[in-house]
Protein backbone atom coordinates (compact mmCIF):
# COMPACT_ATOMS: atom_id res chain seq x y z
CA MET A 1 152.55 37.96 -32.70
CA TYR A 2 156.04 37.16 -34.02
CA SER A 3 154.79 37.43 -37.61
CA LEU A 4 153.29 40.82 -36.88
CA LEU A 5 156.63 42.06 -35.52
CA LEU A 6 158.38 40.87 -38.67
CA LEU A 7 155.85 42.65 -40.88
CA LEU A 8 156.27 45.85 -38.91
CA ALA A 9 160.08 45.64 -38.90
CA ALA A 10 160.51 44.68 -42.57
CA PRO A 11 160.28 48.24 -43.92
CA LEU A 12 163.04 49.25 -41.51
CA LEU A 13 165.34 46.62 -43.00
CA ILE A 14 164.94 47.95 -46.54
CA THR A 15 166.73 51.11 -47.61
CA ALA A 16 166.04 53.24 -50.67
CA ASN A 17 169.09 51.74 -52.45
CA ASN A 18 168.60 48.15 -51.31
CA MET A 19 165.07 46.89 -51.92
CA ALA A 20 163.93 43.35 -51.21
CA GLY A 21 164.30 41.35 -54.42
CA ASP A 22 167.03 43.62 -55.79
CA ILE A 23 170.25 41.98 -56.94
CA ASN A 24 173.15 43.26 -54.86
CA THR A 25 176.84 42.94 -55.67
CA LEU A 26 179.06 41.18 -53.13
CA ASP A 27 182.78 41.72 -52.58
CA VAL A 28 184.52 38.99 -54.62
CA ASN A 29 187.45 39.06 -52.19
CA ASN A 30 185.27 38.18 -49.20
CA SER A 31 186.31 34.70 -48.03
CA GLU A 32 182.67 33.84 -47.24
CA ASN A 33 182.01 33.47 -50.99
CA LEU A 34 184.60 30.69 -51.39
CA GLU A 35 183.48 29.01 -48.16
CA LYS A 36 179.88 28.82 -49.42
CA ILE A 37 181.14 27.40 -52.73
CA TRP A 38 183.33 24.81 -50.93
CA THR A 39 180.31 23.81 -48.84
CA GLY A 40 178.35 22.97 -52.00
CA LEU A 41 181.22 21.33 -53.86
CA ASP A 42 179.65 17.84 -53.67
CA SER A 43 176.57 19.10 -55.54
CA ILE A 44 178.69 21.07 -57.99
CA ASN A 45 180.90 18.09 -58.80
CA ALA A 46 177.88 15.80 -59.16
CA ALA A 47 176.52 18.17 -61.83
CA SER A 48 179.86 18.41 -63.63
CA ASN A 49 180.68 16.20 -66.63
CA SER A 50 184.35 16.20 -65.70
CA PRO A 51 185.76 12.78 -64.73
CA ASN A 52 187.86 14.49 -62.06
CA TYR A 53 186.81 16.63 -59.13
CA LEU A 54 186.70 20.39 -59.69
CA VAL A 55 187.76 22.97 -57.11
CA PRO A 56 187.21 26.73 -57.01
CA VAL A 57 190.22 28.89 -57.85
CA LYS A 58 188.88 32.44 -57.92
CA VAL A 59 185.55 34.26 -57.60
CA LEU A 60 185.15 36.77 -60.43
CA ASN A 61 181.61 38.01 -59.75
CA ALA A 62 179.27 37.62 -56.79
CA THR A 63 175.68 38.73 -56.21
CA THR A 64 172.91 38.10 -53.73
CA GLN A 65 169.14 38.46 -53.88
CA VAL A 66 166.36 37.98 -51.32
CA VAL A 67 163.90 35.42 -52.81
CA ALA A 68 162.01 33.36 -50.20
CA GLY A 69 165.43 33.00 -48.65
CA THR A 70 168.67 34.17 -50.18
CA LYS A 71 169.95 33.43 -53.66
CA TYR A 72 173.70 33.72 -54.15
CA THR A 73 175.18 33.68 -57.65
CA TRP A 74 178.88 33.47 -58.39
CA GLU A 75 181.00 33.37 -61.50
CA VAL A 76 183.94 31.23 -60.48
CA LEU A 77 187.07 29.94 -62.14
CA MET A 78 187.15 26.20 -61.44
CA ALA A 79 190.13 23.90 -62.03
CA GLU A 80 190.35 20.13 -62.38
CA THR A 81 192.23 18.07 -59.82
CA ASP A 82 193.96 14.72 -60.30
CA CYS A 83 191.33 13.11 -58.05
CA ASN A 84 189.13 10.91 -60.21
CA LYS A 85 185.47 10.83 -59.19
CA ALA A 86 185.15 7.10 -59.87
CA ASN A 87 188.29 6.02 -58.00
CA SER A 88 188.65 8.38 -55.06
CA THR A 89 186.70 10.34 -52.51
CA PHE A 90 187.03 14.08 -52.37
CA ASP A 91 189.45 15.48 -49.80
CA ARG A 92 189.90 19.25 -49.74
CA ASN A 93 193.48 18.90 -48.54
CA THR A 94 194.71 16.50 -51.21
CA CYS A 95 192.44 17.25 -54.19
CA VAL A 96 194.12 20.43 -55.32
CA PRO A 97 194.28 21.86 -58.86
CA SER A 98 196.46 19.79 -61.17
CA ALA A 99 199.73 21.31 -62.36
CA ASN A 100 198.95 23.50 -65.36
CA ALA A 101 195.27 22.60 -65.06
CA PRO A 102 193.11 24.64 -67.39
CA THR A 103 190.35 26.59 -65.71
CA SER A 104 186.73 26.86 -66.73
CA LEU A 105 184.27 29.57 -65.86
CA TYR A 106 181.21 28.32 -63.98
CA LYS A 107 178.05 30.03 -62.86
CA ILE A 108 177.24 28.65 -59.42
CA SER A 109 174.02 29.43 -57.58
CA LEU A 110 172.92 28.73 -54.04
CA TRP A 111 169.35 29.11 -52.84
CA ALA A 112 169.45 29.12 -49.04
CA GLN A 113 166.67 28.96 -46.46
CA PRO A 114 168.66 28.43 -43.25
CA TRP A 115 165.54 28.41 -41.06
CA ASN A 116 164.37 25.30 -42.99
CA ASN A 117 167.88 23.81 -43.19
CA PHE A 118 167.48 24.04 -46.99
CA TYR A 119 170.46 24.67 -49.30
CA GLU A 120 170.22 24.01 -53.05
CA TYR A 121 173.23 24.41 -55.31
CA SER A 122 173.33 24.47 -59.09
CA ALA A 123 176.29 24.81 -61.43
CA GLU A 124 176.57 25.63 -65.10
CA LYS A 125 179.76 25.64 -67.14
CA ILE A 126 180.05 28.89 -69.07
CA THR A 127 183.42 28.68 -70.87
CA ASN A 128 186.82 27.04 -70.97
CA ASN A 129 189.57 29.55 -70.20
CA ASN A 130 192.75 27.46 -70.47
CA ALA A 131 194.38 30.02 -68.20
């Protein structure tokens, strides 16, 4: 019965400009973007080749797409901290960007299925910015 209600309600949730599966732009200034990135920082740092922990500095682009859950994609400036992965644990309050730390542009994705308690992050370094 619940499934039938979802099937009947689904067309009401889709507008002419916002179809299921379409990629939609998110507001890069929305704090929810950075919070989602901070939540996945363990996975992002595990995928990084940097010897030090990386932290997000600024979201430059943000999109979302409905795909058997929700896929978020961000282009984010990331900066190195002085916290070495091998010698310290990550602490958001003390692992801050190093003074004059160069930034790198990363593409970070999150595939989320909250009803299954499933969250999968991936990160790919795009460029060094030295900004």
